Amino acid sequence: MLGKLFKLLFILAIIGFIGLVGFAYVGPELGIDFAPAAQEIRMPVTLQGQ
């Protein structure tokens, strides 16, 4: 019984991984943009020395 459960979980993990990879490839074709919003961040830096 426990072996069947592990086998089922393994198969579900493989199917989930294949689905995730497929979505990563097909997503941009469907208009889904995975890129984060770009913004410029400036922070002053004080260096020690000299």
N, C-alpha and C. Protein backbone atom coordinates (compact mmCIF):
# COMPACT_ATOMS: atom_id res chain seq x y z
N MET A 1 0.84 -1.19 0.00
CA MET A 1 0.00 0.00 0.00
C MET A 1 0.87 1.25 0.00
N LEU A 2 1.88 1.26 0.85
CA LEU A 2 2.75 2.43 0.94
C LEU A 2 3.58 2.60 -0.33
N GLY A 3 3.96 1.48 -0.94
CA GLY A 3 4.71 1.53 -2.20
C GLY A 3 3.89 2.15 -3.32
N LYS A 4 2.60 1.83 -3.35
CA LYS A 4 1.72 2.40 -4.37
C LYS A 4 1.56 3.91 -4.16
N LEU A 5 1.52 4.33 -2.91
CA LEU A 5 1.40 5.76 -2.61
C LEU A 5 2.64 6.51 -3.08
N PHE A 6 3.83 5.97 -2.81
CA PHE A 6 5.07 6.60 -3.26
C PHE A 6 5.14 6.63 -4.79
N LYS A 7 4.71 5.58 -5.42
CA LYS A 7 4.71 5.52 -6.89
C LYS A 7 3.76 6.59 -7.45
N LEU A 8 2.59 6.75 -6.86
CA LEU A 8 1.63 7.76 -7.29
C LEU A 8 2.20 9.16 -7.09
N LEU A 9 2.82 9.42 -5.94
CA LEU A 9 3.41 10.73 -5.69
C LEU A 9 4.55 11.02 -6.66
N PHE A 10 5.34 10.01 -6.98
CA PHE A 10 6.43 10.18 -7.93
C PHE A 10 5.89 10.51 -9.32
N ILE A 11 4.87 9.81 -9.74
CA ILE A 11 4.27 10.06 -11.05
C ILE A 11 3.65 11.46 -11.09
N LEU A 12 2.97 11.88 -10.03
CA LEU A 12 2.40 13.22 -9.98
C LEU A 12 3.48 14.30 -10.01
N ALA A 13 4.61 14.05 -9.36
CA ALA A 13 5.71 15.00 -9.38
C ALA A 13 6.29 15.13 -10.79
N ILE A 14 6.44 14.01 -11.48
CA ILE A 14 6.95 14.04 -12.86
C ILE A 14 5.98 14.79 -13.77
N ILE A 15 4.68 14.52 -13.64
CA ILE A 15 3.68 15.21 -14.46
C ILE A 15 3.68 16.71 -14.15
N GLY A 16 3.80 17.06 -12.89
CA GLY A 16 3.86 18.46 -12.50
C GLY A 16 5.08 19.16 -13.07
N PHE A 17 6.22 18.49 -13.05
CA PHE A 17 7.45 19.06 -13.60
C PHE A 17 7.32 19.28 -15.11
N ILE A 18 6.77 18.30 -15.80
CA ILE A 18 6.57 18.43 -17.24
C ILE A 18 5.60 19.58 -17.53
N GLY A 19 4.55 19.70 -16.75
CA GLY A 19 3.60 20.80 -16.92
C GLY A 19 4.23 22.15 -16.68
N LEU A 20 5.08 22.25 -15.67
CA LEU A 20 5.76 23.51 -15.36
C LEU A 20 6.71 23.92 -16.47
N VAL A 21 7.47 22.96 -16.98
CA VAL A 21 8.40 23.24 -18.09
C VAL A 21 7.61 23.62 -19.34
N GLY A 22 6.54 22.92 -19.61
CA GLY A 22 5.71 23.25 -20.77
C GLY A 22 5.10 24.64 -20.65
N PHE A 23 4.65 25.01 -19.48
CA PHE A 23 4.08 26.34 -19.27
C PHE A 23 5.15 27.42 -19.44
N ALA A 24 6.37 27.14 -19.01
CA ALA A 24 7.46 28.11 -19.17
C ALA A 24 7.77 28.35 -20.64
N TYR A 25 7.65 27.33 -21.46
CA TYR A 25 7.89 27.49 -22.90
C TYR A 25 6.71 28.11 -23.62
N VAL A 26 5.49 27.73 -23.26
CA VAL A 26 4.30 28.17 -23.99
C VAL A 26 3.75 29.48 -23.43
N GLY A 27 4.05 29.82 -22.20
CA GLY A 27 3.51 31.02 -21.57
C GLY A 27 3.71 32.30 -22.36
N PRO A 28 4.93 32.61 -22.82
CA PRO A 28 5.12 33.84 -23.61
C PRO A 28 4.30 33.84 -24.90
N GLU A 29 4.04 32.70 -25.48
CA GLU A 29 3.21 32.63 -26.69
C GLU A 29 1.75 32.98 -26.37
N LEU A 30 1.35 32.75 -25.14
CA LEU A 30 -0.02 33.04 -24.72
C LEU A 30 -0.18 34.46 -24.20
N GLY A 31 0.91 35.24 -24.20
CA GLY A 31 0.85 36.62 -23.72
C GLY A 31 1.16 36.77 -22.25
N ILE A 32 1.68 35.76 -21.62
CA ILE A 32 2.04 35.83 -20.21
C ILE A 32 3.50 36.22 -20.11
N ASP A 33 3.78 37.35 -19.45
CA ASP A 33 5.15 37.86 -19.35
C ASP A 33 5.71 37.48 -17.98
N PHE A 34 6.84 36.79 -17.98
CA PHE A 34 7.44 36.35 -16.72
C PHE A 34 8.49 37.32 -16.19
N ALA A 35 8.79 38.39 -16.95
CA ALA A 35 9.83 39.33 -16.55
C ALA A 35 9.31 40.24 -15.42
N PRO A 36 10.13 40.51 -14.42
CA PRO A 36 9.71 41.42 -13.36
C PRO A 36 9.68 42.86 -13.87
N ALA A 37 8.95 43.70 -13.18
CA ALA A 37 8.90 45.12 -13.55
C ALA A 37 10.26 45.75 -13.26
N ALA A 38 10.81 46.43 -14.27
CA ALA A 38 12.14 47.03 -14.12
C ALA A 38 12.02 48.40 -13.49
N GLN A 39 12.90 48.67 -12.53
CA GLN A 39 12.98 49.99 -11.93
C GLN A 39 14.41 50.24 -11.50
N GLU A 40 14.83 51.48 -11.62
CA GLU A 40 16.20 51.84 -11.28
C GLU A 40 16.26 52.18 -9.79
N ILE A 41 17.26 51.63 -9.12
CA ILE A 41 17.46 51.88 -7.70
C ILE A 41 18.86 52.45 -7.52
N ARG A 42 18.94 53.62 -6.91
CA ARG A 42 20.24 54.24 -6.63
C ARG A 42 20.40 54.37 -5.13
N MET A 43 21.55 53.90 -4.63
CA MET A 43 21.85 54.00 -3.21
C MET A 43 23.26 54.57 -3.06
N PRO A 44 23.42 55.58 -2.21
CA PRO A 44 24.75 56.12 -1.98
C PRO A 44 25.61 55.10 -1.20
N VAL A 45 26.88 55.02 -1.58
CA VAL A 45 27.80 54.08 -0.93
C VAL A 45 28.98 54.87 -0.40
N THR A 46 29.31 54.66 0.87
CA THR A 46 30.49 55.28 1.47
C THR A 46 31.56 54.22 1.63
N LEU A 47 32.72 54.43 0.98
CA LEU A 47 33.81 53.48 1.05
C LEU A 47 34.83 53.92 2.09
N GLN A 48 35.29 52.97 2.87
CA GLN A 48 36.31 53.24 3.89
C GLN A 48 37.69 53.12 3.27
N GLY A 49 38.60 53.98 3.67
CA GLY A 49 39.97 53.85 3.17
C GLY A 49 40.48 55.17 2.62
N GLN A 50 41.75 55.24 2.47
CA GLN A 50 42.48 56.40 1.98
C GLN A 50 42.00 57.63 2.68
